[in-house]
Amino acid sequence: MNQPTDTHSHKESVDLFQTKWLNFLTRSHVSVPISMVAGFSAWLLYRSSNLTSFTALQTAGLFFAGLLFFTFAEYALHRNLYHLEPSAEWRKRFTYVVHGVHHDYPKDRSRIAMPPIGIIIYLVVFYALFTLLLGNYGYSTLAGFATGYCVYQGIHYMVHAYRPPNNIFRALWTNHAIHHYQDDTVLFGVSSPLWDYVFGTLPKKRGKRSNVEVSAK
């Protein structure tokens, strides 16, 4: 998935599986995963307050460290997992199911956010990793990481569903429009372009920023 394909004008995307209930599991309104992850984040902070003796300042520091780490994870997963080179048939199928369908049907709001089944898998995996590697430090750090996901998903939904604002946040609309409609090998950061600057995945031509369509339809 090196170059963006022609995106479909209609808002309803194709079925990914032949079974109706499997297709149902691939769709979700954005409020569902955000609510799930926000609740999980709140639970982690509650758990940290009960199981650790960290001060409020220490907890806040760990929280914001997790928030920053999420922006990197968002970038890395988007670039290295969701845009795998389709060198084999299974890789082509995998990338289409988890992300390619969104590129083909960017106006389908039911496939902008990860569905609940995917959220549950991610939460279990990240909870195991953070608590195993960080111990008691993992609760507040993962809470910040999870909050970062909520911010990312909210921004991602707004970028696809609403017209861009006339302020500094307009750049987020422009960046993501370039990634979708002009070149999907650049601008992998949705909530922040920080890691695109760090790893050199900004557009090579400045003109791309001025002539891309950014309005929601």
C-alpha atoms as a PDB file:
ATOM      1  CA  MET A   1       0.000   0.000   0.000  1.00  0.00           C
ATOM      2  CA  ASN A   2       2.591   2.504  -1.160  1.00  0.00           C
ATOM      3  CA  GLN A   3       0.397   4.872  -3.112  1.00  0.00           C
ATOM      4  CA  PRO A   4      -3.176   5.760  -2.211  1.00  0.00           C
ATOM      5  CA  THR A   5      -5.846   4.119  -4.290  1.00  0.00           C
ATOM      6  CA  ASP A   6      -8.842   5.966  -5.653  1.00  0.00           C
ATOM      7  CA  THR A   7     -11.116   6.401  -2.675  1.00  0.00           C
ATOM      8  CA  HIS A   8     -14.798   5.658  -3.031  1.00  0.00           C
ATOM      9  CA  SER A   9     -17.222   8.544  -2.800  1.00  0.00           C
ATOM     10  CA  HIS A  10     -19.922   6.657  -0.909  1.00  0.00           C
ATOM     11  CA  LYS A  11     -19.733   6.357   2.848  1.00  0.00           C
ATOM     12  CA  GLU A  12     -20.522   2.658   3.307  1.00  0.00           C
ATOM     13  CA  SER A  13     -17.506   0.379   2.908  1.00  0.00           C
ATOM     14  CA  VAL A  14     -17.464  -3.201   1.683  1.00  0.00           C
ATOM     15  CA  ASP A  15     -17.911  -6.248   3.874  1.00  0.00           C
ATOM     16  CA  LEU A  16     -14.624  -7.769   4.978  1.00  0.00           C
ATOM     17  CA  PHE A  17     -15.960 -11.246   5.746  1.00  0.00           C
ATOM     18  CA  GLN A  18     -18.693 -13.498   4.389  1.00  0.00           C
ATOM     19  CA  THR A  19     -20.228 -13.974   7.836  1.00  0.00           C
ATOM     20  CA  LYS A  20     -22.604 -11.237   9.010  1.00  0.00           C
ATOM     21  CA  TRP A  21     -21.603 -11.356  12.672  1.00  0.00           C
ATOM     22  CA  LEU A  22     -17.909 -11.069  11.785  1.00  0.00           C
ATOM     23  CA  ASN A  23     -18.662  -8.011   9.672  1.00  0.00           C
ATOM     24  CA  PHE A  24     -20.672  -6.566  12.554  1.00  0.00           C
ATOM     25  CA  LEU A  25     -17.590  -6.899  14.784  1.00  0.00           C
ATOM     26  CA  THR A  26     -15.500  -4.831  12.345  1.00  0.00           C
ATOM     27  CA  ARG A  27     -17.651  -1.714  12.749  1.00  0.00           C
ATOM     28  CA  SER A  28     -18.097   0.712  15.623  1.00  0.00           C
ATOM     29  CA  HIS A  29     -19.088   4.271  16.396  1.00  0.00           C
ATOM     30  CA  VAL A  30     -16.094   6.212  17.681  1.00  0.00           C
ATOM     31  CA  SER A  31     -17.754   6.826  21.053  1.00  0.00           C
ATOM     32  CA  VAL A  32     -17.635   3.112  21.922  1.00  0.00           C
ATOM     33  CA  PRO A  33     -13.845   2.548  21.892  1.00  0.00           C
ATOM     34  CA  ILE A  34     -13.181   5.988  23.377  1.00  0.00           C
ATOM     35  CA  SER A  35     -15.540   5.233  26.274  1.00  0.00           C
ATOM     36  CA  MET A  36     -13.955   1.827  26.815  1.00  0.00           C
ATOM     37  CA  VAL A  37     -10.404   3.167  26.861  1.00  0.00           C
ATOM     38  CA  ALA A  38     -11.280   6.242  28.949  1.00  0.00           C
ATOM     39  CA  GLY A  39     -12.873   3.987  31.551  1.00  0.00           C
ATOM     40  CA  PHE A  40      -9.819   1.742  31.494  1.00  0.00           C
ATOM     41  CA  SER A  41      -7.559   4.756  32.003  1.00  0.00           C
ATOM     42  CA  ALA A  42      -9.610   5.929  34.987  1.00  0.00           C
ATOM     43  CA  TRP A  43      -9.445   2.424  36.483  1.00  0.00           C
ATOM     44  CA  LEU A  44      -5.662   2.397  36.094  1.00  0.00           C
ATOM     45  CA  LEU A  45      -5.328   5.696  37.961  1.00  0.00           C
ATOM     46  CA  TYR A  46      -7.588   4.365  40.695  1.00  0.00           C
ATOM     47  CA  ARG A  47      -5.531   1.203  40.891  1.00  0.00           C
ATOM     48  CA  SER A  48      -2.313   3.212  41.065  1.00  0.00           C
ATOM     49  CA  SER A  49      -3.659   5.301  43.945  1.00  0.00           C
ATOM     50  CA  ASN A  50      -4.506   2.136  45.878  1.00  0.00           C
ATOM     51  CA  LEU A  51      -1.437   0.032  45.145  1.00  0.00           C
ATOM     52  CA  THR A  52       1.370   2.607  45.066  1.00  0.00           C
ATOM     53  CA  SER A  53       2.655   5.396  47.271  1.00  0.00           C
ATOM     54  CA  PHE A  54       3.438   7.795  44.414  1.00  0.00           C
ATOM     55  CA  THR A  55       2.787  11.476  44.989  1.00  0.00           C
ATOM     56  CA  ALA A  56       0.410  13.397  42.745  1.00  0.00           C
ATOM     57  CA  LEU A  57       3.405  14.952  40.989  1.00  0.00           C
ATOM     58  CA  GLN A  58       5.017  11.575  40.370  1.00  0.00           C
ATOM     59  CA  THR A  59       1.748  10.171  39.079  1.00  0.00           C
ATOM     60  CA  ALA A  60       1.343  13.153  36.745  1.00  0.00           C
ATOM     61  CA  GLY A  61       4.905  12.685  35.469  1.00  0.00           C
ATOM     62  CA  LEU A  62       4.308   9.023  34.687  1.00  0.00           C
ATOM     63  CA  PHE A  63       0.963   9.880  33.088  1.00  0.00           C
ATOM     64  CA  PHE A  64       2.470  12.434  30.712  1.00  0.00           C
ATOM     65  CA  ALA A  65       5.366  10.104  29.928  1.00  0.00           C
ATOM     66  CA  GLY A  66       2.777   7.544  28.840  1.00  0.00           C
ATOM     67  CA  LEU A  67       0.954  10.181  26.816  1.00  0.00           C
ATOM     68  CA  LEU A  68       4.158  11.056  24.960  1.00  0.00           C
ATOM     69  CA  PHE A  69       4.998   7.402  24.446  1.00  0.00           C
ATOM     70  CA  PHE A  70       1.592   6.881  22.862  1.00  0.00           C
ATOM     71  CA  THR A  71       2.366   9.443  20.133  1.00  0.00           C
ATOM     72  CA  PHE A  72       5.409   7.348  19.228  1.00  0.00           C
ATOM     73  CA  ALA A  73       3.466   4.065  19.341  1.00  0.00           C
ATOM     74  CA  GLU A  74       0.726   5.605  17.183  1.00  0.00           C
ATOM     75  CA  TYR A  75       3.317   6.609  14.600  1.00  0.00           C
ATOM     76  CA  ALA A  76       5.249   3.323  14.711  1.00  0.00           C
ATOM     77  CA  LEU A  77       2.183   1.086  14.441  1.00  0.00           C
ATOM     78  CA  HIS A  78       0.674   3.169  11.655  1.00  0.00           C
ATOM     79  CA  ARG A  79       3.877   3.174   9.646  1.00  0.00           C
ATOM     80  CA  ASN A  80       5.286  -0.293  10.304  1.00  0.00           C
ATOM     81  CA  LEU A  81       2.225  -2.475  10.909  1.00  0.00           C
ATOM     82  CA  TYR A  82      -0.742  -0.902   9.152  1.00  0.00           C
ATOM     83  CA  HIS A  83       1.326  -0.097   6.060  1.00  0.00           C
ATOM     84  CA  LEU A  84       3.192  -3.378   5.700  1.00  0.00           C
ATOM     85  CA  GLU A  85       4.582  -3.968   2.232  1.00  0.00           C
ATOM     86  CA  PRO A  86       2.236  -6.479   0.535  1.00  0.00           C
ATOM     87  CA  SER A  87       5.040  -8.917  -0.278  1.00  0.00           C
ATOM     88  CA  ALA A  88       2.794 -11.914   0.426  1.00  0.00           C
ATOM     89  CA  GLU A  89      -0.917 -12.546   0.039  1.00  0.00           C
ATOM     90  CA  TRP A  90      -1.503 -12.820   3.805  1.00  0.00           C
ATOM     91  CA  ARG A  91       0.210  -9.477   4.374  1.00  0.00           C
ATOM     92  CA  LYS A  92      -1.924  -7.858   1.698  1.00  0.00           C
ATOM     93  CA  ARG A  93      -5.073  -9.280   3.289  1.00  0.00           C
ATOM     94  CA  PHE A  94      -3.974  -8.315   6.807  1.00  0.00           C
ATOM     95  CA  THR A  95      -3.204  -4.693   5.946  1.00  0.00           C
ATOM     96  CA  TYR A  96      -6.468  -4.324   4.065  1.00  0.00           C
ATOM     97  CA  VAL A  97      -8.572  -5.688   6.925  1.00  0.00           C
ATOM     98  CA  VAL A  98      -6.895  -3.635   9.669  1.00  0.00           C
ATOM     99  CA  HIS A  99      -6.289  -0.419   7.728  1.00  0.00           C
ATOM    100  CA  GLY A 100      -6.520  -0.579   3.951  1.00  0.00           C
ATOM    101  CA  VAL A 101     -10.314  -0.586   3.944  1.00  0.00           C
ATOM    102  CA  HIS A 102     -10.195   2.729   5.789  1.00  0.00           C
ATOM    103  CA  HIS A 103      -7.982   4.168   3.055  1.00  0.00           C
ATOM    104  CA  ASP A 104     -10.372   2.946   0.370  1.00  0.00           C
ATOM    105  CA  TYR A 105     -13.439   4.214   2.247  1.00  0.00           C
ATOM    106  CA  PRO A 106     -12.253   7.133   4.409  1.00  0.00           C
ATOM    107  CA  LYS A 107     -15.782   8.549   4.716  1.00  0.00           C
ATOM    108  CA  ASP A 108     -17.188   5.413   6.366  1.00  0.00           C
ATOM    109  CA  ARG A 109     -17.458   6.624   9.968  1.00  0.00           C
ATOM    110  CA  SER A 110     -18.129   3.120  11.287  1.00  0.00           C
ATOM    111  CA  ARG A 111     -14.582   2.097  10.337  1.00  0.00           C
ATOM    112  CA  ILE A 112     -12.658   5.147  11.511  1.00  0.00           C
ATOM    113  CA  ALA A 113     -12.202   3.756  15.026  1.00  0.00           C
ATOM    114  CA  MET A 114     -10.989   0.350  16.096  1.00  0.00           C
ATOM    115  CA  PRO A 115     -13.951  -1.917  16.949  1.00  0.00           C
ATOM    116  CA  PRO A 116     -14.451  -3.149  20.544  1.00  0.00           C
ATOM    117  CA  ILE A 117     -12.979  -6.610  19.940  1.00  0.00           C
ATOM    118  CA  GLY A 118      -9.727  -5.036  18.770  1.00  0.00           C
ATOM    119  CA  ILE A 119      -9.741  -2.630  21.711  1.00  0.00           C
ATOM    120  CA  ILE A 120     -10.091  -5.502  24.180  1.00  0.00           C
ATOM    121  CA  ILE A 121      -7.144  -7.340  22.622  1.00  0.00           C
ATOM    122  CA  TYR A 122      -4.970  -4.215  22.678  1.00  0.00           C
ATOM    123  CA  LEU A 123      -5.876  -3.403  26.292  1.00  0.00           C
ATOM    124  CA  VAL A 124      -5.023  -6.911  27.491  1.00  0.00           C
ATOM    125  CA  VAL A 125      -1.710  -6.942  25.615  1.00  0.00           C
ATOM    126  CA  PHE A 126      -0.617  -3.474  26.725  1.00  0.00           C
ATOM    127  CA  TYR A 127      -1.707  -4.047  30.313  1.00  0.00           C
ATOM    128  CA  ALA A 128       0.382  -7.223  30.439  1.00  0.00           C
ATOM    129  CA  LEU A 129       3.404  -5.481  28.877  1.00  0.00           C
ATOM    130  CA  PHE A 130       3.290  -2.337  31.002  1.00  0.00           C
ATOM    131  CA  THR A 131       2.781  -4.129  34.318  1.00  0.00           C
ATOM    132  CA  LEU A 132       5.370  -6.790  33.476  1.00  0.00           C
ATOM    133  CA  LEU A 133       8.042  -4.313  32.390  1.00  0.00           C
ATOM    134  CA  LEU A 134       7.279  -1.380  34.681  1.00  0.00           C
ATOM    135  CA  GLY A 135       5.612  -2.924  37.713  1.00  0.00           C
ATOM    136  CA  ASN A 136       3.805  -0.311  39.811  1.00  0.00           C
ATOM    137  CA  TYR A 137       5.055   2.414  37.475  1.00  0.00           C
ATOM    138  CA  GLY A 138       2.984   0.835  34.727  1.00  0.00           C
ATOM    139  CA  TYR A 139      -0.446   1.843  36.025  1.00  0.00           C
ATOM    140  CA  SER A 140      -0.094   5.615  35.691  1.00  0.00           C
ATOM    141  CA  THR A 141       2.075   5.312  32.586  1.00  0.00           C
ATOM    142  CA  LEU A 142      -0.471   3.123  30.834  1.00  0.00           C
ATOM    143  CA  ALA A 143      -3.241   5.485  31.957  1.00  0.00           C
ATOM    144  CA  GLY A 144      -1.490   8.290  30.070  1.00  0.00           C
ATOM    145  CA  PHE A 145      -0.900   5.984  27.107  1.00  0.00           C
ATOM    146  CA  ALA A 146      -4.601   5.056  27.039  1.00  0.00           C
ATOM    147  CA  THR A 147      -5.629   8.704  27.297  1.00  0.00           C
ATOM    148  CA  GLY A 148      -3.369   9.405  24.334  1.00  0.00           C
ATOM    149  CA  TYR A 149      -5.360   6.851  22.376  1.00  0.00           C
ATOM    150  CA  CYS A 150      -8.608   8.636  23.255  1.00  0.00           C
ATOM    151  CA  VAL A 151      -7.169  11.950  22.060  1.00  0.00           C
ATOM    152  CA  TYR A 152      -5.859  10.343  18.879  1.00  0.00           C
ATOM    153  CA  GLN A 153      -9.144   8.647  18.091  1.00  0.00           C
ATOM    154  CA  GLY A 154     -11.116  11.814  18.743  1.00  0.00           C
ATOM    155  CA  ILE A 155      -8.853  13.792  16.412  1.00  0.00           C
ATOM    156  CA  HIS A 156      -8.945  11.060  13.779  1.00  0.00           C
ATOM    157  CA  TYR A 157     -12.734  11.027  13.802  1.00  0.00           C
ATOM    158  CA  MET A 158     -13.024  14.818  13.618  1.00  0.00           C
ATOM    159  CA  VAL A 159     -10.534  14.998  10.751  1.00  0.00           C
ATOM    160  CA  HIS A 160     -12.724  12.643   8.711  1.00  0.00           C
ATOM    161  CA  ALA A 161     -16.138  13.841   9.861  1.00  0.00           C
ATOM    162  CA  TYR A 162     -15.876  17.636  10.144  1.00  0.00           C
ATOM    163  CA  ARG A 163     -14.524  20.562   8.211  1.00  0.00           C
ATOM    164  CA  PRO A 164     -11.129  21.848   9.318  1.00  0.00           C
ATOM    165  CA  PRO A 165     -11.053  24.760  11.770  1.00  0.00           C
ATOM    166  CA  ASN A 166      -9.475  28.087  10.900  1.00  0.00           C
ATOM    167  CA  ASN A 167      -6.747  27.881  13.536  1.00  0.00           C
ATOM    168  CA  ILE A 168      -3.454  26.098  14.182  1.00  0.00           C
ATOM    169  CA  PHE A 169      -5.214  22.711  14.401  1.00  0.00           C
ATOM    170  CA  ARG A 170      -6.050  22.942  10.695  1.00  0.00           C
ATOM    171  CA  ALA A 171      -2.603  21.440  10.051  1.00  0.00           C
ATOM    172  CA  LEU A 172      -3.827  18.112  11.464  1.00  0.00           C
ATOM    173  CA  TRP A 173      -6.593  18.034   8.828  1.00  0.00           C
ATOM    174  CA  THR A 174      -4.143  18.948   6.079  1.00  0.00           C
ATOM    175  CA  ASN A 175      -1.545  16.393   7.142  1.00  0.00           C
ATOM    176  CA  HIS A 176      -4.007  13.532   7.265  1.00  0.00           C
ATOM    177  CA  ALA A 177      -5.589  14.521   3.963  1.00  0.00           C
ATOM    178  CA  ILE A 178      -2.154  14.380   2.338  1.00  0.00           C
ATOM    179  CA  HIS A 179      -1.617  10.906   3.802  1.00  0.00           C
ATOM    180  CA  HIS A 180      -4.988   9.696   2.486  1.00  0.00           C
ATOM    181  CA  TYR A 181      -5.322  11.399  -0.862  1.00  0.00           C
ATOM    182  CA  GLN A 182      -1.799  12.139  -2.110  1.00  0.00           C
ATOM    183  CA  ASP A 183       0.908   9.974  -0.567  1.00  0.00           C
ATOM    184  CA  ASP A 184       0.387   7.280   2.080  1.00  0.00           C
ATOM    185  CA  THR A 185       4.141   6.924   2.646  1.00  0.00           C
ATOM    186  CA  VAL A 186       4.301  10.210   4.574  1.00  0.00           C
ATOM    187  CA  LEU A 187       2.653  11.856   7.590  1.00  0.00           C
ATOM    188  CA  PHE A 188       1.846   8.817   9.717  1.00  0.00           C
ATOM    189  CA  GLY A 189       1.216  10.877  12.854  1.00  0.00           C
ATOM    190  CA  VAL A 190      -2.455  11.744  13.276  1.00  0.00           C
ATOM    191  CA  SER A 191      -2.546  13.374  16.695  1.00  0.00           C
ATOM    192  CA  SER A 192       0.895  14.970  16.281  1.00  0.00           C
ATOM    193  CA  PRO A 193       3.460  15.375  13.475  1.00  0.00           C
ATOM    194  CA  LEU A 194       6.321  15.115  16.021  1.00  0.00           C
ATOM    195  CA  TRP A 195       7.639  11.726  14.928  1.00  0.00           C
ATOM    196  CA  ASP A 196       7.251  12.548  11.234  1.00  0.00           C
ATOM    197  CA  TYR A 197       9.785  15.309  11.884  1.00  0.00           C
ATOM    198  CA  VAL A 198      12.044  12.985  13.869  1.00  0.00           C
ATOM    199  CA  PHE A 199      12.037  10.134  11.317  1.00  0.00           C
ATOM    200  CA  GLY A 200      11.860  12.212   8.152  1.00  0.00           C
ATOM    201  CA  THR A 201       8.434  11.189   6.851  1.00  0.00           C
ATOM    202  CA  LEU A 202       7.243  14.665   5.954  1.00  0.00           C
ATOM    203  CA  PRO A 203       6.229  15.408   2.333  1.00  0.00           C
ATOM    204  CA  LYS A 204       9.189  16.211   0.120  1.00  0.00           C
ATOM    205  CA  LYS A 205       7.272  18.866  -1.814  1.00  0.00           C
ATOM    206  CA  ARG A 206       5.901  21.856   0.057  1.00  0.00           C
ATOM    207  CA  GLY A 207       3.228  22.336  -2.595  1.00  0.00           C
ATOM    208  CA  LYS A 208       1.409  19.260  -1.366  1.00  0.00           C
ATOM    209  CA  ARG A 209       0.235  21.177   1.659  1.00  0.00           C
ATOM    210  CA  SER A 210      -1.406  23.928  -0.318  1.00  0.00           C
ATOM    211  CA  ASN A 211      -3.456  22.022  -2.900  1.00  0.00           C
ATOM    212  CA  VAL A 212      -4.824  19.053  -0.974  1.00  0.00           C
ATOM    213  CA  GLU A 213      -8.513  18.753  -0.225  1.00  0.00           C
ATOM    214  CA  VAL A 214      -9.104  18.980   3.509  1.00  0.00           C
ATOM    215  CA  SER A 215     -12.841  19.565   3.774  1.00  0.00           C
ATOM    216  CA  ALA A 216     -15.097  16.839   5.120  1.00  0.00           C
ATOM    217  CA  LYS A 217     -17.913  15.751   2.835  1.00  0.00           C
END
